[in-house]
Amino acid sequence: MKIGKLTDEQLQSLVLSRLPALSATTLSGAGIGADCAWIRAGEDLMVTSSDPITAGGTESGTLAIHVSCNDIAACGVRPSGILIVIIAPPSVTEEDIKMTVDQASREAQSLGVDIVGGHTEVSDAVNKMIVVSTAFGLIRKGGCVPLGKAMPGDSLIMTKTAGIEGSFIAANEHGDKLSGKVSEEDIKEALSYKELISVVKEGAACGSLIARNVKSEKDGFVRSAVNLMHDVTEGGVFGAAFEMADFSGTGVVIDKRLVPFTGATTAICDALGLDPFRLISSGSLMIATPEPERVIEELKSQGVPSAVVGRFTDKSEGVFYIENDGSYVKLSPPGADEIYSI
């Protein structure tokens, strides 16, 4: 089988279709495009998500905290706790394990998240460090949550820039392949993207908008400023847009010309022959909203740049991206992330 996440078809046939029915305690569980489970916790709700770090190299501890906490933040909820499993190869040293734990501890503390448990072992079943994290957050009784589906007519907003995590991993783990092809300034900049990988700030900002929903004077219904959020991980911005539409039962059009990139990301992708639109990008959050100006202004007040990069349509209109020449191209389902081709 190919390296990377399973295709949507494989995930459905090999995994999801074989899972047992959910109990009444679980409101929603695993699904294509659904990164989090929603579970009843008395009168409250708990949202939880799990993710592995397989290509993080020497920064696996750092990335492990953010990938799972980002999923919680994409529900408009602040993560409160996390468990970490470390599986290390026999070649690992005690200093390697200390470094990974120290990284995770530093990032968790910066987010105000407790590391509440996990597991650590050395195994010859792996040949490099694997770190798996499971984060959770609580929604108190009466708390507001996103509608859970993008709606036709919603704008598609993304925060920051595309390719954040992929650029960082490439600069941190594959500097030898970039030497002489990418400037030292761009490599240094990409290494600084470690500080941009969290989307907790923007997730919380959107969560506050949901909490401030107001009744429409026109028809009396309560409108949500944010219908769905999704952090951009494996498969990049194209993969995230496809998954949001697939999960919501809508179409989507994403405009390549509107997707923001930094010069460093562009230079790294050009040097390594990577498609930047399908490159892992933890650090960017995609948002489906009927009120793009309101969302962009709220994010701006929190110091988070954002831009409209597309729109959701009726399912019958399909899933497309707009090329640089203005032509429409059918958007294929996400496959193995570009990072695995290095």
C-alpha atoms as a PDB file:
ATOM      1  CA  MET A   1       0.000   0.000   0.000  1.00  0.00           C
ATOM      2  CA  LYS A   2       1.062   3.606  -0.547  1.00  0.00           C
ATOM      3  CA  ILE A   3       2.631   5.628   2.247  1.00  0.00           C
ATOM      4  CA  GLY A   4       0.355   8.197   3.864  1.00  0.00           C
ATOM      5  CA  LYS A   5      -3.287   8.427   4.847  1.00  0.00           C
ATOM      6  CA  LEU A   6      -5.705   5.969   3.293  1.00  0.00           C
ATOM      7  CA  THR A   7      -7.812   7.289   0.458  1.00  0.00           C
ATOM      8  CA  ASP A   8     -11.408   8.113   1.343  1.00  0.00           C
ATOM      9  CA  GLU A   9     -12.536   4.923  -0.403  1.00  0.00           C
ATOM     10  CA  GLN A  10     -10.038   2.789   1.524  1.00  0.00           C
ATOM     11  CA  LEU A  11     -10.932   4.468   4.802  1.00  0.00           C
ATOM     12  CA  GLN A  12     -14.606   3.763   4.236  1.00  0.00           C
ATOM     13  CA  SER A  13     -14.233   0.137   3.125  1.00  0.00           C
ATOM     14  CA  LEU A  14     -11.333  -0.979   5.332  1.00  0.00           C
ATOM     15  CA  VAL A  15     -12.126   0.916   8.527  1.00  0.00           C
ATOM     16  CA  LEU A  16     -15.319   2.921   8.905  1.00  0.00           C
ATOM     17  CA  SER A  17     -17.701   0.314   7.506  1.00  0.00           C
ATOM     18  CA  ARG A  18     -16.358  -2.213  10.018  1.00  0.00           C
ATOM     19  CA  LEU A  19     -16.849  -0.156  13.163  1.00  0.00           C
ATOM     20  CA  PRO A  20     -19.629  -1.076  15.614  1.00  0.00           C
ATOM     21  CA  ALA A  21     -22.675   1.128  16.040  1.00  0.00           C
ATOM     22  CA  LEU A  22     -22.251   4.039  18.439  1.00  0.00           C
ATOM     23  CA  SER A  23     -23.852   4.020  21.864  1.00  0.00           C
ATOM     24  CA  ALA A  24     -26.253   6.722  23.015  1.00  0.00           C
ATOM     25  CA  THR A  25     -23.385   8.380  24.901  1.00  0.00           C
ATOM     26  CA  THR A  26     -21.551   9.270  21.695  1.00  0.00           C
ATOM     27  CA  LEU A  27     -23.236  11.985  19.659  1.00  0.00           C
ATOM     28  CA  SER A  28     -20.899  11.639  16.676  1.00  0.00           C
ATOM     29  CA  GLY A  29     -17.826   9.575  15.964  1.00  0.00           C
ATOM     30  CA  ALA A  30     -15.363   8.846  13.212  1.00  0.00           C
ATOM     31  CA  GLY A  31     -16.125   9.834   9.644  1.00  0.00           C
ATOM     32  CA  ILE A  32     -14.535  11.161   6.472  1.00  0.00           C
ATOM     33  CA  GLY A  33     -13.793  14.817   7.116  1.00  0.00           C
ATOM     34  CA  ALA A  34     -14.737  14.433  10.793  1.00  0.00           C
ATOM     35  CA  ASP A  35     -11.612  14.687  12.943  1.00  0.00           C
ATOM     36  CA  CYS A  36     -13.346  14.830  16.324  1.00  0.00           C
ATOM     37  CA  ALA A  37     -15.800  12.729  18.298  1.00  0.00           C
ATOM     38  CA  TRP A  38     -18.491  14.328  20.448  1.00  0.00           C
ATOM     39  CA  ILE A  39     -19.299  12.476  23.667  1.00  0.00           C
ATOM     40  CA  ARG A  40     -21.783  13.187  26.451  1.00  0.00           C
ATOM     41  CA  ALA A  41     -20.124  13.880  29.801  1.00  0.00           C
ATOM     42  CA  GLY A  42     -23.035  14.290  32.179  1.00  0.00           C
ATOM     43  CA  GLU A  43     -24.722  17.550  31.225  1.00  0.00           C
ATOM     44  CA  ASP A  44     -21.590  18.678  29.390  1.00  0.00           C
ATOM     45  CA  LEU A  45     -19.995  17.566  26.138  1.00  0.00           C
ATOM     46  CA  MET A  46     -16.468  16.343  25.512  1.00  0.00           C
ATOM     47  CA  VAL A  47     -14.821  16.678  22.118  1.00  0.00           C
ATOM     48  CA  THR A  48     -11.767  14.503  21.456  1.00  0.00           C
ATOM     49  CA  SER A  49      -9.356  13.715  18.620  1.00  0.00           C
ATOM     50  CA  SER A  50      -6.253  11.618  18.016  1.00  0.00           C
ATOM     51  CA  ASP A  51      -3.380  12.065  15.547  1.00  0.00           C
ATOM     52  CA  PRO A  52       0.045  10.505  14.877  1.00  0.00           C
ATOM     53  CA  ILE A  53       3.277  12.269  14.016  1.00  0.00           C
ATOM     54  CA  THR A  54       5.213  10.086  11.572  1.00  0.00           C
ATOM     55  CA  ALA A  55       7.308  12.621   9.646  1.00  0.00           C
ATOM     56  CA  GLY A  56       8.142  15.097  12.401  1.00  0.00           C
ATOM     57  CA  GLY A  57      11.750  14.021  12.895  1.00  0.00           C
ATOM     58  CA  THR A  58      13.521  15.869  15.687  1.00  0.00           C
ATOM     59  CA  GLU A  59      10.453  18.026  16.406  1.00  0.00           C
ATOM     60  CA  SER A  60       7.917  15.212  16.818  1.00  0.00           C
ATOM     61  CA  GLY A  61       7.135  16.228  20.397  1.00  0.00           C
ATOM     62  CA  THR A  62       6.349  19.776  19.309  1.00  0.00           C
ATOM     63  CA  LEU A  63       4.100  18.760  16.429  1.00  0.00           C
ATOM     64  CA  ALA A  64       2.287  16.050  18.404  1.00  0.00           C
ATOM     65  CA  ILE A  65       0.761  18.584  20.772  1.00  0.00           C
ATOM     66  CA  HIS A  66      -0.454  20.905  18.064  1.00  0.00           C
ATOM     67  CA  VAL A  67      -1.975  18.450  15.587  1.00  0.00           C
ATOM     68  CA  SER A  68      -4.484  17.075  18.095  1.00  0.00           C
ATOM     69  CA  CYS A  69      -5.124  20.365  19.882  1.00  0.00           C
ATOM     70  CA  ASN A  70      -5.771  21.962  16.493  1.00  0.00           C
ATOM     71  CA  ASP A  71      -8.565  19.467  15.853  1.00  0.00           C
ATOM     72  CA  ILE A  72     -10.220  20.476  19.121  1.00  0.00           C
ATOM     73  CA  ALA A  73      -9.786  24.156  18.291  1.00  0.00           C
ATOM     74  CA  ALA A  74     -11.442  23.540  14.909  1.00  0.00           C
ATOM     75  CA  CYS A  75     -14.593  22.742  16.874  1.00  0.00           C
ATOM     76  CA  GLY A  76     -14.487  26.198  18.456  1.00  0.00           C
ATOM     77  CA  VAL A  77     -13.346  24.659  21.737  1.00  0.00           C
ATOM     78  CA  ARG A  78     -10.191  25.268  23.749  1.00  0.00           C
ATOM     79  CA  PRO A  79      -8.344  21.975  24.396  1.00  0.00           C
ATOM     80  CA  SER A  80      -7.848  21.211  28.064  1.00  0.00           C
ATOM     81  CA  GLY A  81      -6.003  17.882  28.213  1.00  0.00           C
ATOM     82  CA  ILE A  82      -3.906  15.534  26.102  1.00  0.00           C
ATOM     83  CA  LEU A  83      -2.416  12.027  26.248  1.00  0.00           C
ATOM     84  CA  ILE A  84       0.802  11.133  24.431  1.00  0.00           C
ATOM     85  CA  VAL A  85       2.084   7.738  23.240  1.00  0.00           C
ATOM     86  CA  ILE A  86       5.742   7.499  22.214  1.00  0.00           C
ATOM     87  CA  ILE A  87       6.997   4.464  20.294  1.00  0.00           C
ATOM     88  CA  ALA A  88      10.760   4.702  19.756  1.00  0.00           C
ATOM     89  CA  PRO A  89      13.108   2.451  17.738  1.00  0.00           C
ATOM     90  CA  PRO A  90      15.982   0.557  19.417  1.00  0.00           C
ATOM     91  CA  SER A  91      18.421   3.122  18.038  1.00  0.00           C
ATOM     92  CA  VAL A  92      16.878   5.826  20.230  1.00  0.00           C
ATOM     93  CA  THR A  93      18.858   7.339  23.085  1.00  0.00           C
ATOM     94  CA  GLU A  94      17.616   8.485  26.463  1.00  0.00           C
ATOM     95  CA  GLU A  95      18.382  12.035  25.355  1.00  0.00           C
ATOM     96  CA  ASP A  96      16.076  11.600  22.341  1.00  0.00           C
ATOM     97  CA  ILE A  97      13.192  10.618  24.600  1.00  0.00           C
ATOM     98  CA  LYS A  98      13.921  13.470  26.996  1.00  0.00           C
ATOM     99  CA  MET A  99      13.969  15.909  24.102  1.00  0.00           C
ATOM    100  CA  THR A 100      10.626  14.692  22.757  1.00  0.00           C
ATOM    101  CA  VAL A 101       8.978  14.893  26.176  1.00  0.00           C
ATOM    102  CA  ASP A 102      10.479  18.324  26.843  1.00  0.00           C
ATOM    103  CA  GLN A 103       9.148  19.587  23.504  1.00  0.00           C
ATOM    104  CA  ALA A 104       5.662  18.278  24.224  1.00  0.00           C
ATOM    105  CA  SER A 105       5.716  19.709  27.743  1.00  0.00           C
ATOM    106  CA  ARG A 106       6.788  23.132  26.490  1.00  0.00           C
ATOM    107  CA  GLU A 107       4.072  23.328  23.844  1.00  0.00           C
ATOM    108  CA  ALA A 108       1.352  21.994  26.142  1.00  0.00           C
ATOM    109  CA  GLN A 109       2.252  24.566  28.782  1.00  0.00           C
ATOM    110  CA  SER A 110       2.157  27.349  26.192  1.00  0.00           C
ATOM    111  CA  LEU A 111      -1.418  26.340  25.261  1.00  0.00           C
ATOM    112  CA  GLY A 112      -2.561  25.811  28.851  1.00  0.00           C
ATOM    113  CA  VAL A 113      -3.157  22.108  28.171  1.00  0.00           C
ATOM    114  CA  ASP A 114      -2.481  19.367  30.742  1.00  0.00           C
ATOM    115  CA  ILE A 115      -0.587  16.242  29.682  1.00  0.00           C
ATOM    116  CA  VAL A 116      -2.636  13.738  31.659  1.00  0.00           C
ATOM    117  CA  GLY A 117      -1.171  10.400  30.596  1.00  0.00           C
ATOM    118  CA  GLY A 118       0.017   8.181  27.773  1.00  0.00           C
ATOM    119  CA  HIS A 119       2.619   5.487  27.164  1.00  0.00           C
ATOM    120  CA  THR A 120       6.292   5.275  26.228  1.00  0.00           C
ATOM    121  CA  GLU A 121       8.187   2.257  24.918  1.00  0.00           C
ATOM    122  CA  VAL A 122      11.048   1.153  22.688  1.00  0.00           C
ATOM    123  CA  SER A 123      10.096  -1.298  19.958  1.00  0.00           C
ATOM    124  CA  ASP A 124      11.743  -2.862  16.925  1.00  0.00           C
ATOM    125  CA  ALA A 125       8.359  -2.567  15.199  1.00  0.00           C
ATOM    126  CA  VAL A 126       9.343   0.976  14.177  1.00  0.00           C
ATOM    127  CA  ASN A 127      12.497   2.434  12.638  1.00  0.00           C
ATOM    128  CA  LYS A 128      11.899   6.041  13.702  1.00  0.00           C
ATOM    129  CA  MET A 129      10.145   7.891  16.482  1.00  0.00           C
ATOM    130  CA  ILE A 130       6.354   7.739  16.335  1.00  0.00           C
ATOM    131  CA  VAL A 131       4.351  10.045  18.606  1.00  0.00           C
ATOM    132  CA  VAL A 132       0.575   9.740  18.887  1.00  0.00           C
ATOM    133  CA  SER A 133      -1.474  12.318  20.766  1.00  0.00           C
ATOM    134  CA  THR A 134      -5.103  12.348  21.874  1.00  0.00           C
ATOM    135  CA  ALA A 135      -6.519  15.703  22.953  1.00  0.00           C
ATOM    136  CA  PHE A 136      -9.862  16.633  24.460  1.00  0.00           C
ATOM    137  CA  GLY A 137     -11.833  19.703  25.435  1.00  0.00           C
ATOM    138  CA  LEU A 138     -15.054  20.284  27.372  1.00  0.00           C
ATOM    139  CA  ILE A 139     -18.148  22.245  26.425  1.00  0.00           C
ATOM    140  CA  ARG A 140     -20.217  23.240  29.413  1.00  0.00           C
ATOM    141  CA  LYS A 141     -24.001  22.863  29.403  1.00  0.00           C
ATOM    142  CA  GLY A 142     -25.514  25.471  27.119  1.00  0.00           C
ATOM    143  CA  GLY A 143     -22.231  26.176  25.345  1.00  0.00           C
ATOM    144  CA  CYS A 144     -22.334  27.065  21.654  1.00  0.00           C
ATOM    145  CA  VAL A 145     -20.825  24.861  18.960  1.00  0.00           C
ATOM    146  CA  PRO A 146     -20.575  25.160  15.146  1.00  0.00           C
ATOM    147  CA  LEU A 147     -23.494  23.979  13.025  1.00  0.00           C
ATOM    148  CA  GLY A 148     -21.221  21.186  11.833  1.00  0.00           C
ATOM    149  CA  LYS A 149     -21.811  21.435   8.083  1.00  0.00           C
ATOM    150  CA  ALA A 150     -20.781  23.943   5.455  1.00  0.00           C
ATOM    151  CA  MET A 151     -23.778  25.352   3.580  1.00  0.00           C
ATOM    152  CA  PRO A 152     -24.099  26.263  -0.102  1.00  0.00           C
ATOM    153  CA  GLY A 153     -23.312  29.956  -0.375  1.00  0.00           C
ATOM    154  CA  ASP A 154     -20.800  29.914   2.505  1.00  0.00           C
ATOM    155  CA  SER A 155     -17.438  31.530   1.869  1.00  0.00           C
ATOM    156  CA  LEU A 156     -14.300  29.448   2.436  1.00  0.00           C
ATOM    157  CA  ILE A 157     -11.763  31.337   4.544  1.00  0.00           C
ATOM    158  CA  MET A 158      -8.255  30.169   5.395  1.00  0.00           C
ATOM    159  CA  THR A 159      -6.006  31.650   8.054  1.00  0.00           C
ATOM    160  CA  LYS A 160      -2.295  32.452   7.747  1.00  0.00           C
ATOM    161  CA  THR A 161      -0.654  30.812   4.726  1.00  0.00           C
ATOM    162  CA  ALA A 162      -0.570  27.402   3.066  1.00  0.00           C
ATOM    163  CA  GLY A 163       2.233  24.878   3.550  1.00  0.00           C
ATOM    164  CA  ILE A 164       3.265  26.014   7.042  1.00  0.00           C
ATOM    165  CA  GLU A 165       4.016  22.638   8.617  1.00  0.00           C
ATOM    166  CA  GLY A 166       5.380  21.113   5.433  1.00  0.00           C
ATOM    167  CA  SER A 167       7.807  23.993   4.978  1.00  0.00           C
ATOM    168  CA  PHE A 168       8.991  23.644   8.555  1.00  0.00           C
ATOM    169  CA  ILE A 169       9.481  19.869   8.268  1.00  0.00           C
ATOM    170  CA  ALA A 170      11.349  20.239   4.979  1.00  0.00           C
ATOM    171  CA  ALA A 171      13.683  22.896   6.394  1.00  0.00           C
ATOM    172  CA  ASN A 172      14.221  21.012   9.657  1.00  0.00           C
ATOM    173  CA  GLU A 173      14.651  17.495   8.275  1.00  0.00           C
ATOM    174  CA  HIS A 174      15.856  17.942   4.698  1.00  0.00           C
ATOM    175  CA  GLY A 175      18.230  20.870   4.801  1.00  0.00           C
ATOM    176  CA  ASP A 176      20.779  18.928   2.759  1.00  0.00           C
ATOM    177  CA  LYS A 177      18.337  18.734  -0.164  1.00  0.00           C
ATOM    178  CA  LEU A 178      17.678  22.478   0.045  1.00  0.00           C
ATOM    179  CA  SER A 179      21.311  23.563   0.297  1.00  0.00           C
ATOM    180  CA  GLY A 180      22.318  25.634  -2.721  1.00  0.00           C
ATOM    181  CA  LYS A 181      18.713  25.701  -4.006  1.00  0.00           C
ATOM    182  CA  VAL A 182      17.007  27.793  -1.323  1.00  0.00           C
ATOM    183  CA  SER A 183      18.499  30.839   0.363  1.00  0.00           C
ATOM    184  CA  GLU A 184      19.626  30.668   3.976  1.00  0.00           C
ATOM    185  CA  GLU A 185      17.125  33.425   4.736  1.00  0.00           C
ATOM    186  CA  ASP A 186      14.208  31.349   3.427  1.00  0.00           C
ATOM    187  CA  ILE A 187      15.373  28.255   5.300  1.00  0.00           C
ATOM    188  CA  LYS A 188      15.689  30.269   8.506  1.00  0.00           C
ATOM    189  CA  GLU A 189      12.215  31.686   7.976  1.00  0.00           C
ATOM    190  CA  ALA A 190      10.735  28.233   7.393  1.00  0.00           C
ATOM    191  CA  LEU A 191      12.324  26.981  10.601  1.00  0.00           C
ATOM    192  CA  SER A 192      10.508  29.775  12.445  1.00  0.00           C
ATOM    193  CA  TYR A 193       7.146  28.406  11.263  1.00  0.00           C
ATOM    194  CA  LYS A 194       7.238  26.101  14.275  1.00  0.00           C
ATOM    195  CA  GLU A 195       5.742  29.059  16.126  1.00  0.00           C
ATOM    196  CA  LEU A 196       2.780  29.224  13.712  1.00  0.00           C
ATOM    197  CA  ILE A 197       1.553  25.622  13.839  1.00  0.00           C
ATOM    198  CA  SER A 198      -1.152  26.130  16.480  1.00  0.00           C
ATOM    199  CA  VAL A 199      -4.660  27.217  15.415  1.00  0.00           C
ATOM    200  CA  VAL A 200      -6.006  27.414  18.966  1.00  0.00           C
ATOM    201  CA  LYS A 201      -6.117  31.222  18.826  1.00  0.00           C
ATOM    202  CA  GLU A 202      -8.204  31.355  15.650  1.00  0.00           C
ATOM    203  CA  GLY A 203     -10.370  28.427  16.721  1.00  0.00           C
ATOM    204  CA  ALA A 204     -11.156  30.182  20.002  1.00  0.00           C
ATOM    205  CA  ALA A 205     -11.856  33.442  18.145  1.00  0.00           C
ATOM    206  CA  CYS A 206     -14.377  31.700  15.908  1.00  0.00           C
ATOM    207  CA  GLY A 207     -15.829  29.963  18.945  1.00  0.00           C
ATOM    208  CA  SER A 208     -16.463  33.355  20.526  1.00  0.00           C
ATOM    209  CA  LEU A 209     -18.320  34.450  17.386  1.00  0.00           C
ATOM    210  CA  ILE A 210     -20.556  31.399  17.622  1.00  0.00           C
ATOM    211  CA  ALA A 211     -21.269  32.268  21.249  1.00  0.00           C
ATOM    212  CA  ARG A 212     -22.344  35.736  20.101  1.00  0.00           C
ATOM    213  CA  ASN A 213     -24.824  34.502  17.493  1.00  0.00           C
ATOM    214  CA  VAL A 214     -27.678  36.928  17.022  1.00  0.00           C
ATOM    215  CA  LYS A 215     -31.254  36.481  15.817  1.00  0.00           C
ATOM    216  CA  SER A 216     -31.823  37.582  12.245  1.00  0.00           C
ATOM    217  CA  GLU A 217     -34.232  40.519  11.976  1.00  0.00           C
ATOM    218  CA  LYS A 218     -35.325  39.214   8.569  1.00  0.00           C
ATOM    219  CA  ASP A 219     -36.665  35.770   9.437  1.00  0.00           C
ATOM    220  CA  GLY A 220     -36.211  35.325  13.170  1.00  0.00           C
ATOM    221  CA  PHE A 221     -33.780  32.408  12.885  1.00  0.00           C
ATOM    222  CA  VAL A 222     -30.474  32.342  14.708  1.00  0.00           C
ATOM    223  CA  ARG A 223     -27.647  32.495  12.168  1.00  0.00           C
ATOM    224  CA  SER A 224     -24.200  31.176  12.952  1.00  0.00           C
ATOM    225  CA  ALA A 225     -21.215  33.209  11.802  1.00  0.00           C
ATOM    226  CA  VAL A 226     -19.241  29.944  11.562  1.00  0.00           C
ATOM    227  CA  ASN A 227     -20.756  26.719  10.237  1.00  0.00           C
ATOM    228  CA  LEU A 228     -17.688  24.460   9.999  1.00  0.00           C
ATOM    229  CA  MET A 229     -13.951  24.594  10.651  1.00  0.00           C
ATOM    230  CA  HIS A 230     -11.183  22.227   9.566  1.00  0.00           C
ATOM    231  CA  ASP A 231      -7.450  22.458  10.198  1.00  0.00           C
ATOM    232  CA  VAL A 232      -5.249  21.937   7.160  1.00  0.00           C
ATOM    233  CA  THR A 233      -3.189  18.787   7.746  1.00  0.00           C
ATOM    234  CA  GLU A 234      -2.203  15.977   5.362  1.00  0.00           C
ATOM    235  CA  GLY A 235      -3.399  16.698   1.850  1.00  0.00           C
ATOM    236  CA  GLY A 236      -2.942  20.455   2.189  1.00  0.00           C
ATOM    237  CA  VAL A 237      -5.490  23.126   1.295  1.00  0.00           C
ATOM    238  CA  PHE A 238      -6.924  21.095  -1.585  1.00  0.00           C
ATOM    239  CA  GLY A 239      -7.383  18.062   0.663  1.00  0.00           C
ATOM    240  CA  ALA A 240      -9.005  20.129   3.417  1.00  0.00           C
ATOM    241  CA  ALA A 241     -11.431  21.814   0.999  1.00  0.00           C
ATOM    242  CA  PHE A 242     -12.389  18.448  -0.506  1.00  0.00           C
ATOM    243  CA  GLU A 243     -12.959  16.891   2.924  1.00  0.00           C
ATOM    244  CA  MET A 244     -15.095  19.809   4.119  1.00  0.00           C
ATOM    245  CA  ALA A 245     -17.334  19.550   1.054  1.00  0.00           C
ATOM    246  CA  ASP A 246     -17.519  15.758   1.249  1.00  0.00           C
ATOM    247  CA  PHE A 247     -18.423  15.854   4.936  1.00  0.00           C
ATOM    248  CA  SER A 248     -21.024  18.586   4.392  1.00  0.00           C
ATOM    249  CA  GLY A 249     -22.617  17.111   1.289  1.00  0.00           C
ATOM    250  CA  THR A 250     -21.884  20.231  -0.755  1.00  0.00           C
ATOM    251  CA  GLY A 251     -19.780  21.308  -3.690  1.00  0.00           C
ATOM    252  CA  VAL A 252     -16.833  23.662  -3.357  1.00  0.00           C
ATOM    253  CA  VAL A 253     -14.731  25.897  -5.571  1.00  0.00           C
ATOM    254  CA  ILE A 254     -11.295  26.927  -4.294  1.00  0.00           C
ATOM    255  CA  ASP A 255      -9.350  29.562  -6.220  1.00  0.00           C
ATOM    256  CA  LYS A 256      -5.609  28.839  -6.469  1.00  0.00           C
ATOM    257  CA  ARG A 257      -4.994  32.511  -7.199  1.00  0.00           C
ATOM    258  CA  LEU A 258      -6.362  33.519  -3.789  1.00  0.00           C
ATOM    259  CA  VAL A 259      -4.480  30.987  -1.632  1.00  0.00           C
ATOM    260  CA  PRO A 260      -1.673  32.825   0.220  1.00  0.00           C
ATOM    261  CA  PHE A 261       1.878  31.434   0.359  1.00  0.00           C
ATOM    262  CA  THR A 262       5.093  32.873   1.728  1.00  0.00           C
ATOM    263  CA  GLY A 263       8.150  33.237  -0.459  1.00  0.00           C
ATOM    264  CA  ALA A 264       9.948  30.677   1.700  1.00  0.00           C
ATOM    265  CA  THR A 265       7.256  28.045   1.153  1.00  0.00           C
ATOM    266  CA  THR A 266       7.227  28.678  -2.588  1.00  0.00           C
ATOM    267  CA  ALA A 267      11.020  28.420  -2.796  1.00  0.00           C
ATOM    268  CA  ILE A 268      11.102  25.161  -0.813  1.00  0.00           C
ATOM    269  CA  CYS A 269       8.336  23.582  -2.879  1.00  0.00           C
ATOM    270  CA  ASP A 270      10.009  24.616  -6.121  1.00  0.00           C
ATOM    271  CA  ALA A 271      13.355  23.192  -4.975  1.00  0.00           C
ATOM    272  CA  LEU A 272      11.871  19.854  -3.895  1.00  0.00           C
ATOM    273  CA  GLY A 273       9.268  19.529  -6.646  1.00  0.00           C
ATOM    274  CA  LEU A 274       6.345  19.625  -4.211  1.00  0.00           C
ATOM    275  CA  ASP A 275       2.775  20.654  -4.968  1.00  0.00           C
ATOM    276  CA  PRO A 276       2.230  23.391  -2.351  1.00  0.00           C
ATOM    277  CA  PHE A 277      -1.555  23.007  -2.562  1.00  0.00           C
ATOM    278  CA  ARG A 278      -1.310  19.396  -1.356  1.00  0.00           C
ATOM    279  CA  LEU A 279       1.382  19.953   1.284  1.00  0.00           C
ATOM    280  CA  ILE A 280       0.635  19.391   4.984  1.00  0.00           C
ATOM    281  CA  SER A 281      -0.171  22.702   6.625  1.00  0.00           C
ATOM    282  CA  SER A 282      -0.987  22.503  10.313  1.00  0.00           C
ATOM    283  CA  GLY A 283      -1.157  26.131  11.376  1.00  0.00           C
ATOM    284  CA  SER A 284      -3.827  27.099   8.871  1.00  0.00           C
ATOM    285  CA  LEU A 285      -7.527  26.830   9.681  1.00  0.00           C
ATOM    286  CA  MET A 286     -10.262  26.643   7.048  1.00  0.00           C
ATOM    287  CA  ILE A 287     -13.613  28.166   7.928  1.00  0.00           C
ATOM    288  CA  ALA A 288     -17.028  27.909   6.260  1.00  0.00           C
ATOM    289  CA  THR A 289     -18.976  31.065   6.965  1.00  0.00           C
ATOM    290  CA  PRO A 290     -21.973  33.010   5.652  1.00  0.00           C
ATOM    291  CA  GLU A 291     -20.408  36.169   7.138  1.00  0.00           C
ATOM    292  CA  PRO A 292     -16.823  36.349   5.820  1.00  0.00           C
ATOM    293  CA  GLU A 293     -16.278  40.028   6.639  1.00  0.00           C
ATOM    294  CA  ARG A 294     -17.310  39.495  10.257  1.00  0.00           C
ATOM    295  CA  VAL A 295     -15.044  36.462  10.640  1.00  0.00           C
ATOM    296  CA  ILE A 296     -12.064  38.146   8.976  1.00  0.00           C
ATOM    297  CA  GLU A 297     -12.466  41.188  11.212  1.00  0.00           C
ATOM    298  CA  GLU A 298     -12.653  39.036  14.361  1.00  0.00           C
ATOM    299  CA  LEU A 299      -9.524  37.121  13.345  1.00  0.00           C
ATOM    300  CA  LYS A 300      -7.738  40.376  12.558  1.00  0.00           C
ATOM    301  CA  SER A 301      -8.542  41.659  16.056  1.00  0.00           C
ATOM    302  CA  GLN A 302      -6.712  38.585  17.392  1.00  0.00           C
ATOM    303  CA  GLY A 303      -3.702  39.194  15.152  1.00  0.00           C
ATOM    304  CA  VAL A 304      -4.526  36.320  12.790  1.00  0.00           C
ATOM    305  CA  PRO A 305      -4.423  37.107   9.036  1.00  0.00           C
ATOM    306  CA  SER A 306      -7.035  35.413   6.869  1.00  0.00           C
ATOM    307  CA  ALA A 307      -8.509  35.536   3.383  1.00  0.00           C
ATOM    308  CA  VAL A 308     -11.444  34.211   1.380  1.00  0.00           C
ATOM    309  CA  VAL A 309     -10.112  31.526  -0.985  1.00  0.00           C
ATOM    310  CA  GLY A 310     -13.291  29.931  -2.270  1.00  0.00           C
ATOM    311  CA  ARG A 311     -16.965  29.217  -1.791  1.00  0.00           C
ATOM    312  CA  PHE A 312     -19.260  26.289  -1.088  1.00  0.00           C
ATOM    313  CA  THR A 313     -21.876  25.406  -3.670  1.00  0.00           C
ATOM    314  CA  ASP A 314     -24.706  22.958  -4.154  1.00  0.00           C
ATOM    315  CA  LYS A 315     -23.475  19.356  -4.322  1.00  0.00           C
ATOM    316  CA  SER A 316     -24.697  19.065  -7.908  1.00  0.00           C
ATOM    317  CA  GLU A 317     -22.157  21.695  -8.952  1.00  0.00           C
ATOM    318  CA  GLY A 318     -19.233  19.449  -7.976  1.00  0.00           C
ATOM    319  CA  VAL A 319     -15.805  20.040  -6.415  1.00  0.00           C
ATOM    320  CA  PHE A 320     -13.346  22.181  -8.377  1.00  0.00           C
ATOM    321  CA  TYR A 321     -10.367  24.475  -8.138  1.00  0.00           C
ATOM    322  CA  ILE A 322      -9.700  27.496 -10.333  1.00  0.00           C
ATOM    323  CA  GLU A 323      -6.379  27.485 -12.173  1.00  0.00           C
ATOM    324  CA  ASN A 324      -4.191  30.544 -12.639  1.00  0.00           C
ATOM    325  CA  ASP A 325      -5.667  31.057 -16.106  1.00  0.00           C
ATOM    326  CA  GLY A 326      -9.211  31.079 -14.714  1.00  0.00           C
ATOM    327  CA  SER A 327     -10.156  27.605 -15.905  1.00  0.00           C
ATOM    328  CA  TYR A 328     -12.042  25.168 -13.664  1.00  0.00           C
ATOM    329  CA  VAL A 329     -10.379  21.837 -12.866  1.00  0.00           C
ATOM    330  CA  LYS A 330     -12.060  18.973 -11.028  1.00  0.00           C
ATOM    331  CA  LEU A 331     -10.579  18.537  -7.565  1.00  0.00           C
ATOM    332  CA  SER A 332      -9.453  14.967  -6.901  1.00  0.00           C
ATOM    333  CA  PRO A 333      -9.771  13.327  -3.466  1.00  0.00           C
ATOM    334  CA  PRO A 334      -6.779  13.733  -1.126  1.00  0.00           C
ATOM    335  CA  GLY A 335      -4.055  11.104  -1.414  1.00  0.00           C
ATOM    336  CA  ALA A 336      -0.622  10.745   0.147  1.00  0.00           C
ATOM    337  CA  ASP A 337       0.712  14.100   1.317  1.00  0.00           C
ATOM    338  CA  GLU A 338       3.491  15.729  -0.673  1.00  0.00           C
ATOM    339  CA  ILE A 339       5.800  15.595   2.358  1.00  0.00           C
ATOM    340  CA  TYR A 340       6.211  11.836   1.859  1.00  0.00           C
ATOM    341  CA  SER A 341       7.673  12.324  -1.618  1.00  0.00           C
ATOM    342  CA  ILE A 342      10.833  14.032  -0.321  1.00  0.00           C
END
